[in-house]
Amino acid sequence: MVKLFIIDFHPVVRRGLAAMFPEGDPEFKVVGEASGVLEAVDKIEELQPDIVIMDMFTPGGDSSDTVNLLQQKCPKTKVIVLTDSNKKEDFFKAIRTGAAGYLLKSLELNELVDSVRLVSRGSAIVYSSMAVKLLDETGENGNGHKNGDGLSDRELEILRLVARGSSNKEIASHCYLSETTVKAHLRRISEKLVVKNRAQAVAKAIEDGYLVKV
């Protein structure tokens, strides 16, 4: 069972998120919640949840401070940022500091549950509409930048699919590859871009202009 902890200043948002993972759910369990960082840290350290779902802005610190603090105290806990902010500087800050996901509150309920499920299984995610918006803002012209630090055409194709929000299974089907091969490509992409996960790979590729519009 995946243990979840929710941080959001608004009680109604916390209750709404908790209701998506009701008691008796065999897959997920909400073990705690808090309105701000200072309130949350001790609880999280005690409860050791698998995933923290948190707003970008919470009393006591911003997301990057919180992610860093949680990684120090609870290195096995993954953080998903769920926010209204679609500003690229907020996105890059959260992903650079180690968030395993960046989601907008405008997403569908089933998309949130699916995203939590993917992160619990070791994936890192970026809300696809956020990736598209960032690519539009960078004004990428499709020429690439140093071929993505040596990324092959296949690796760039896979990275574009990751930016769209495709799962490993969907990427494998689209590219006529096995999931094992897709995972191997993703490992090489992370090594070449010197990043820790697929969300950081997408962020770096968008920021440095490796991707065409998705």
C-alpha atoms as a PDB file:
ATOM      1  CA  MET A   1       0.000   0.000   0.000  1.00  0.00           C
ATOM      2  CA  VAL A   2       1.267   3.477  -0.944  1.00  0.00           C
ATOM      3  CA  LYS A   3       1.242   5.906   1.996  1.00  0.00           C
ATOM      4  CA  LEU A   4       0.370   9.510   1.092  1.00  0.00           C
ATOM      5  CA  PHE A   5       0.768  12.814   2.937  1.00  0.00           C
ATOM      6  CA  ILE A   6      -0.953  16.028   1.773  1.00  0.00           C
ATOM      7  CA  ILE A   7       0.285  19.601   2.289  1.00  0.00           C
ATOM      8  CA  ASP A   8      -2.007  22.473   1.269  1.00  0.00           C
ATOM      9  CA  PHE A   9      -2.953  25.687   3.029  1.00  0.00           C
ATOM     10  CA  HIS A  10      -6.663  25.296   2.199  1.00  0.00           C
ATOM     11  CA  PRO A  11      -8.566  22.700   4.271  1.00  0.00           C
ATOM     12  CA  VAL A  12     -11.113  22.145   1.511  1.00  0.00           C
ATOM     13  CA  VAL A  13      -8.327  21.224  -0.931  1.00  0.00           C
ATOM     14  CA  ARG A  14      -6.779  18.815   1.564  1.00  0.00           C
ATOM     15  CA  ARG A  15     -10.147  17.184   2.187  1.00  0.00           C
ATOM     16  CA  GLY A  16     -10.837  16.965  -1.521  1.00  0.00           C
ATOM     17  CA  LEU A  17      -7.497  15.322  -2.238  1.00  0.00           C
ATOM     18  CA  ALA A  18      -7.927  12.900   0.663  1.00  0.00           C
ATOM     19  CA  ALA A  19     -11.376  11.949  -0.642  1.00  0.00           C
ATOM     20  CA  MET A  20      -9.755  10.737  -3.859  1.00  0.00           C
ATOM     21  CA  PHE A  21      -7.961   8.067  -1.838  1.00  0.00           C
ATOM     22  CA  PRO A  22     -10.749   6.895   0.509  1.00  0.00           C
ATOM     23  CA  GLU A  23     -10.328   4.660   3.526  1.00  0.00           C
ATOM     24  CA  GLY A  24     -10.441   1.037   2.515  1.00  0.00           C
ATOM     25  CA  ASP A  25      -8.642   1.688  -0.770  1.00  0.00           C
ATOM     26  CA  PRO A  26      -6.287  -1.306  -1.103  1.00  0.00           C
ATOM     27  CA  GLU A  27      -3.746   0.692  -3.135  1.00  0.00           C
ATOM     28  CA  PHE A  28      -3.415   4.048  -1.359  1.00  0.00           C
ATOM     29  CA  LYS A  29      -3.716   5.354   2.191  1.00  0.00           C
ATOM     30  CA  VAL A  30      -3.602   9.003   3.299  1.00  0.00           C
ATOM     31  CA  VAL A  31      -1.641   8.853   6.542  1.00  0.00           C
ATOM     32  CA  GLY A  32      -1.544  12.571   7.325  1.00  0.00           C
ATOM     33  CA  GLU A  33      -1.991  16.165   6.212  1.00  0.00           C
ATOM     34  CA  ALA A  34      -0.775  19.645   7.081  1.00  0.00           C
ATOM     35  CA  SER A  35      -1.422  23.260   6.136  1.00  0.00           C
ATOM     36  CA  GLY A  36       2.230  24.285   6.009  1.00  0.00           C
ATOM     37  CA  VAL A  37       5.831  23.148   5.991  1.00  0.00           C
ATOM     38  CA  LEU A  38       6.668  23.615   9.675  1.00  0.00           C
ATOM     39  CA  GLU A  39       3.599  21.634  10.692  1.00  0.00           C
ATOM     40  CA  ALA A  40       4.332  18.952   8.131  1.00  0.00           C
ATOM     41  CA  VAL A  41       8.011  18.137   8.614  1.00  0.00           C
ATOM     42  CA  ASP A  42       7.828  16.421  11.999  1.00  0.00           C
ATOM     43  CA  LYS A  43       4.725  14.477  10.967  1.00  0.00           C
ATOM     44  CA  ILE A  44       6.340  13.330   7.734  1.00  0.00           C
ATOM     45  CA  GLU A  45       9.527  12.318   9.511  1.00  0.00           C
ATOM     46  CA  GLU A  46       7.447  10.228  11.933  1.00  0.00           C
ATOM     47  CA  LEU A  47       5.029   8.725   9.390  1.00  0.00           C
ATOM     48  CA  GLN A  48       7.563   8.156   6.580  1.00  0.00           C
ATOM     49  CA  PRO A  49       5.015   8.384   3.724  1.00  0.00           C
ATOM     50  CA  ASP A  50       5.930   7.110   0.286  1.00  0.00           C
ATOM     51  CA  ILE A  51       4.644  10.245  -1.464  1.00  0.00           C
ATOM     52  CA  VAL A  52       3.958  13.826  -0.396  1.00  0.00           C
ATOM     53  CA  ILE A  53       1.480  15.816  -2.488  1.00  0.00           C
ATOM     54  CA  MET A  54       2.041  19.513  -1.881  1.00  0.00           C
ATOM     55  CA  ASP A  55       1.144  22.925  -3.219  1.00  0.00           C
ATOM     56  CA  MET A  56       3.898  25.027  -4.763  1.00  0.00           C
ATOM     57  CA  PHE A  57       3.451  27.709  -2.114  1.00  0.00           C
ATOM     58  CA  THR A  58       2.857  26.770   1.511  1.00  0.00           C
ATOM     59  CA  PRO A  59       3.364  28.687   4.752  1.00  0.00           C
ATOM     60  CA  GLY A  60       6.878  28.237   6.090  1.00  0.00           C
ATOM     61  CA  GLY A  61       8.730  27.914   2.789  1.00  0.00           C
ATOM     62  CA  ASP A  62       8.408  27.385  -0.921  1.00  0.00           C
ATOM     63  CA  SER A  63       8.472  24.028  -2.681  1.00  0.00           C
ATOM     64  CA  SER A  64      12.222  23.935  -3.293  1.00  0.00           C
ATOM     65  CA  ASP A  65      12.962  24.478   0.406  1.00  0.00           C
ATOM     66  CA  THR A  66      10.456  21.782   1.324  1.00  0.00           C
ATOM     67  CA  VAL A  67      11.719  19.251  -1.202  1.00  0.00           C
ATOM     68  CA  ASN A  68      15.294  19.762  -0.024  1.00  0.00           C
ATOM     69  CA  LEU A  69      14.292  19.415   3.618  1.00  0.00           C
ATOM     70  CA  LEU A  70      12.253  16.282   3.009  1.00  0.00           C
ATOM     71  CA  GLN A  71      15.048  14.689   0.991  1.00  0.00           C
ATOM     72  CA  GLN A  72      17.378  15.230   3.932  1.00  0.00           C
ATOM     73  CA  LYS A  73      15.017  13.876   6.567  1.00  0.00           C
ATOM     74  CA  CYS A  74      13.075  11.286   4.515  1.00  0.00           C
ATOM     75  CA  PRO A  75      15.216  10.324   1.507  1.00  0.00           C
ATOM     76  CA  LYS A  76      12.806   7.595   0.387  1.00  0.00           C
ATOM     77  CA  THR A  77       9.804   9.944   0.277  1.00  0.00           C
ATOM     78  CA  LYS A  78       8.911  11.317  -3.157  1.00  0.00           C
ATOM     79  CA  VAL A  79       7.313  14.713  -3.680  1.00  0.00           C
ATOM     80  CA  ILE A  80       4.636  15.637  -6.208  1.00  0.00           C
ATOM     81  CA  VAL A  81       4.038  19.376  -6.592  1.00  0.00           C
ATOM     82  CA  LEU A  82       0.361  20.095  -7.280  1.00  0.00           C
ATOM     83  CA  THR A  83      -0.126  23.782  -7.985  1.00  0.00           C
ATOM     84  CA  ASP A  84      -1.940  26.543  -9.849  1.00  0.00           C
ATOM     85  CA  SER A  85       1.361  27.998 -11.054  1.00  0.00           C
ATOM     86  CA  ASN A  86       2.247  27.366 -14.678  1.00  0.00           C
ATOM     87  CA  LYS A  87       5.228  29.722 -14.556  1.00  0.00           C
ATOM     88  CA  LYS A  88       8.344  28.178 -16.012  1.00  0.00           C
ATOM     89  CA  GLU A  89      10.587  29.472 -13.218  1.00  0.00           C
ATOM     90  CA  ASP A  90       8.415  27.682 -10.632  1.00  0.00           C
ATOM     91  CA  PHE A  91       8.448  24.495 -12.684  1.00  0.00           C
ATOM     92  CA  PHE A  92      12.224  24.494 -13.164  1.00  0.00           C
ATOM     93  CA  LYS A  93      12.856  25.293  -9.495  1.00  0.00           C
ATOM     94  CA  ALA A  94      10.662  22.421  -8.261  1.00  0.00           C
ATOM     95  CA  ILE A  95      12.078  19.842 -10.664  1.00  0.00           C
ATOM     96  CA  ARG A  96      15.714  20.889 -10.163  1.00  0.00           C
ATOM     97  CA  THR A  97      15.392  20.429  -6.418  1.00  0.00           C
ATOM     98  CA  GLY A  98      14.168  16.876  -6.831  1.00  0.00           C
ATOM     99  CA  ALA A  99      10.368  16.849  -7.102  1.00  0.00           C
ATOM    100  CA  ALA A 100       9.254  13.640  -8.804  1.00  0.00           C
ATOM    101  CA  GLY A 101       6.279  15.342 -10.428  1.00  0.00           C
ATOM    102  CA  TYR A 102       4.856  18.746 -11.354  1.00  0.00           C
ATOM    103  CA  LEU A 103       1.096  18.818 -11.853  1.00  0.00           C
ATOM    104  CA  LEU A 104      -1.400  21.620 -12.351  1.00  0.00           C
ATOM    105  CA  LYS A 105      -4.599  21.717 -10.328  1.00  0.00           C
ATOM    106  CA  SER A 106      -6.563  21.937 -13.559  1.00  0.00           C
ATOM    107  CA  LEU A 107      -5.875  18.271 -14.334  1.00  0.00           C
ATOM    108  CA  GLU A 108      -8.627  15.664 -14.242  1.00  0.00           C
ATOM    109  CA  LEU A 109      -9.094  13.635 -11.062  1.00  0.00           C
ATOM    110  CA  ASN A 110      -8.186  10.355 -12.746  1.00  0.00           C
ATOM    111  CA  GLU A 111      -4.988  11.976 -14.056  1.00  0.00           C
ATOM    112  CA  LEU A 112      -3.891  12.778 -10.511  1.00  0.00           C
ATOM    113  CA  VAL A 113      -4.517   9.228  -9.311  1.00  0.00           C
ATOM    114  CA  ASP A 114      -2.687   7.824 -12.345  1.00  0.00           C
ATOM    115  CA  SER A 115       0.222  10.209 -11.722  1.00  0.00           C
ATOM    116  CA  VAL A 116       0.494   9.184  -8.076  1.00  0.00           C
ATOM    117  CA  ARG A 117       0.457   5.560  -9.171  1.00  0.00           C
ATOM    118  CA  LEU A 118       3.259   6.157 -11.696  1.00  0.00           C
ATOM    119  CA  VAL A 119       5.426   7.992  -9.168  1.00  0.00           C
ATOM    120  CA  SER A 120       4.889   5.214  -6.633  1.00  0.00           C
ATOM    121  CA  ARG A 121       6.267   2.783  -9.229  1.00  0.00           C
ATOM    122  CA  GLY A 122       9.409   4.792  -9.777  1.00  0.00           C
ATOM    123  CA  SER A 123       8.463   7.153 -12.600  1.00  0.00           C
ATOM    124  CA  ALA A 124       8.724  10.933 -12.563  1.00  0.00           C
ATOM    125  CA  ILE A 125       6.073  12.977 -14.304  1.00  0.00           C
ATOM    126  CA  VAL A 126       5.335  16.371 -15.813  1.00  0.00           C
ATOM    127  CA  TYR A 127       1.790  17.443 -16.665  1.00  0.00           C
ATOM    128  CA  SER A 128       1.788  17.318 -20.456  1.00  0.00           C
ATOM    129  CA  SER A 129       0.017  20.657 -20.993  1.00  0.00           C
ATOM    130  CA  MET A 130       2.707  22.269 -18.847  1.00  0.00           C
ATOM    131  CA  ALA A 131       5.404  20.820 -21.095  1.00  0.00           C
ATOM    132  CA  VAL A 132       3.626  22.135 -24.195  1.00  0.00           C
ATOM    133  CA  LYS A 133       3.273  25.602 -22.636  1.00  0.00           C
ATOM    134  CA  LEU A 134       6.961  25.683 -21.745  1.00  0.00           C
ATOM    135  CA  LEU A 135       7.966  24.652 -25.247  1.00  0.00           C
ATOM    136  CA  ASP A 136       5.790  27.404 -26.683  1.00  0.00           C
ATOM    137  CA  GLU A 137       7.431  29.959 -24.380  1.00  0.00           C
ATOM    138  CA  THR A 138      10.961  28.891 -25.253  1.00  0.00           C
ATOM    139  CA  GLY A 139      10.174  29.505 -28.913  1.00  0.00           C
ATOM    140  CA  GLU A 140      11.949  26.291 -29.884  1.00  0.00           C
ATOM    141  CA  ASN A 141      12.408  26.247 -33.674  1.00  0.00           C
ATOM    142  CA  GLY A 142      13.113  22.546 -34.001  1.00  0.00           C
ATOM    143  CA  ASN A 143      16.805  22.849 -34.807  1.00  0.00           C
ATOM    144  CA  GLY A 144      17.860  21.450 -31.431  1.00  0.00           C
ATOM    145  CA  HIS A 145      20.930  22.395 -29.424  1.00  0.00           C
ATOM    146  CA  LYS A 146      24.105  20.353 -29.847  1.00  0.00           C
ATOM    147  CA  ASN A 147      21.800  17.415 -30.599  1.00  0.00           C
ATOM    148  CA  GLY A 148      20.802  17.264 -26.950  1.00  0.00           C
ATOM    149  CA  ASP A 149      24.308  16.637 -25.600  1.00  0.00           C
ATOM    150  CA  GLY A 150      24.715  13.645 -27.870  1.00  0.00           C
ATOM    151  CA  LEU A 151      21.177  12.275 -27.684  1.00  0.00           C
ATOM    152  CA  SER A 152      20.342  10.037 -30.618  1.00  0.00           C
ATOM    153  CA  ASP A 153      17.279  10.623 -32.786  1.00  0.00           C
ATOM    154  CA  ARG A 154      15.591   7.699 -31.020  1.00  0.00           C
ATOM    155  CA  GLU A 155      16.379   9.145 -27.596  1.00  0.00           C
ATOM    156  CA  LEU A 156      15.016  12.546 -28.626  1.00  0.00           C
ATOM    157  CA  GLU A 157      11.859  10.829 -29.890  1.00  0.00           C
ATOM    158  CA  ILE A 158      11.444   9.044 -26.561  1.00  0.00           C
ATOM    159  CA  LEU A 159      12.070  12.267 -24.656  1.00  0.00           C
ATOM    160  CA  ARG A 160       9.345  14.023 -26.669  1.00  0.00           C
ATOM    161  CA  LEU A 161       6.934  11.225 -25.760  1.00  0.00           C
ATOM    162  CA  VAL A 162       7.902  11.556 -22.100  1.00  0.00           C
ATOM    163  CA  ALA A 163       7.129  15.286 -22.329  1.00  0.00           C
ATOM    164  CA  ARG A 164       3.681  14.404 -23.664  1.00  0.00           C
ATOM    165  CA  GLY A 165       3.082  12.371 -20.531  1.00  0.00           C
ATOM    166  CA  SER A 166       3.392   8.949 -22.163  1.00  0.00           C
ATOM    167  CA  SER A 167       4.080   5.961 -19.935  1.00  0.00           C
ATOM    168  CA  ASN A 168       6.868   3.473 -20.681  1.00  0.00           C
ATOM    169  CA  LYS A 169       4.253   1.087 -22.045  1.00  0.00           C
ATOM    170  CA  GLU A 170       2.831   3.738 -24.383  1.00  0.00           C
ATOM    171  CA  ILE A 171       6.315   4.741 -25.531  1.00  0.00           C
ATOM    172  CA  ALA A 172       7.166   1.100 -26.214  1.00  0.00           C
ATOM    173  CA  SER A 173       4.023   0.668 -28.314  1.00  0.00           C
ATOM    174  CA  HIS A 174       4.601   3.884 -30.266  1.00  0.00           C
ATOM    175  CA  CYS A 175       8.254   3.108 -31.002  1.00  0.00           C
ATOM    176  CA  TYR A 176       7.800  -0.649 -31.523  1.00  0.00           C
ATOM    177  CA  LEU A 177      10.179  -1.398 -28.669  1.00  0.00           C
ATOM    178  CA  SER A 178      10.018  -3.489 -25.528  1.00  0.00           C
ATOM    179  CA  GLU A 179       9.496  -1.713 -22.210  1.00  0.00           C
ATOM    180  CA  THR A 180      12.915  -2.986 -21.141  1.00  0.00           C
ATOM    181  CA  THR A 181      14.486  -1.226 -24.122  1.00  0.00           C
ATOM    182  CA  VAL A 182      12.575   1.980 -23.341  1.00  0.00           C
ATOM    183  CA  LYS A 183      13.878   1.896 -19.765  1.00  0.00           C
ATOM    184  CA  ALA A 184      17.417   1.417 -21.082  1.00  0.00           C
ATOM    185  CA  HIS A 185      17.001   4.437 -23.370  1.00  0.00           C
ATOM    186  CA  LEU A 186      15.698   6.510 -20.444  1.00  0.00           C
ATOM    187  CA  ARG A 187      18.701   5.532 -18.320  1.00  0.00           C
ATOM    188  CA  ARG A 188      21.056   6.635 -21.102  1.00  0.00           C
ATOM    189  CA  ILE A 189      19.142   9.887 -21.552  1.00  0.00           C
ATOM    190  CA  SER A 190      19.494  10.628 -17.824  1.00  0.00           C
ATOM    191  CA  GLU A 191      23.202   9.830 -17.943  1.00  0.00           C
ATOM    192  CA  LYS A 192      23.819  12.051 -20.962  1.00  0.00           C
ATOM    193  CA  LEU A 193      21.831  14.979 -19.552  1.00  0.00           C
ATOM    194  CA  VAL A 194      23.237  14.397 -16.038  1.00  0.00           C
ATOM    195  CA  VAL A 195      19.808  14.299 -14.392  1.00  0.00           C
ATOM    196  CA  LYS A 196      18.176  12.000 -11.853  1.00  0.00           C
ATOM    197  CA  ASN A 197      14.787  11.251 -13.413  1.00  0.00           C
ATOM    198  CA  ARG A 198      12.522  11.756 -16.416  1.00  0.00           C
ATOM    199  CA  ALA A 199      10.979  14.954 -15.045  1.00  0.00           C
ATOM    200  CA  GLN A 200      14.428  16.523 -14.748  1.00  0.00           C
ATOM    201  CA  ALA A 201      15.268  15.232 -18.236  1.00  0.00           C
ATOM    202  CA  VAL A 202      12.199  16.956 -19.689  1.00  0.00           C
ATOM    203  CA  ALA A 203      12.972  20.165 -17.773  1.00  0.00           C
ATOM    204  CA  LYS A 204      16.576  20.260 -19.003  1.00  0.00           C
ATOM    205  CA  ALA A 205      15.592  19.415 -22.568  1.00  0.00           C
ATOM    206  CA  ILE A 206      13.006  22.188 -22.663  1.00  0.00           C
ATOM    207  CA  GLU A 207      15.229  24.758 -20.964  1.00  0.00           C
ATOM    208  CA  ASP A 208      18.207  24.028 -23.233  1.00  0.00           C
ATOM    209  CA  GLY A 209      16.145  23.711 -26.415  1.00  0.00           C
ATOM    210  CA  TYR A 210      16.657  20.018 -27.179  1.00  0.00           C
ATOM    211  CA  LEU A 211      13.015  19.345 -28.049  1.00  0.00           C
ATOM    212  CA  VAL A 212      10.761  20.463 -30.840  1.00  0.00           C
ATOM    213  CA  LYS A 213       7.169  21.348 -29.918  1.00  0.00           C
ATOM    214  CA  VAL A 214       5.269  18.299 -28.670  1.00  0.00           C
END
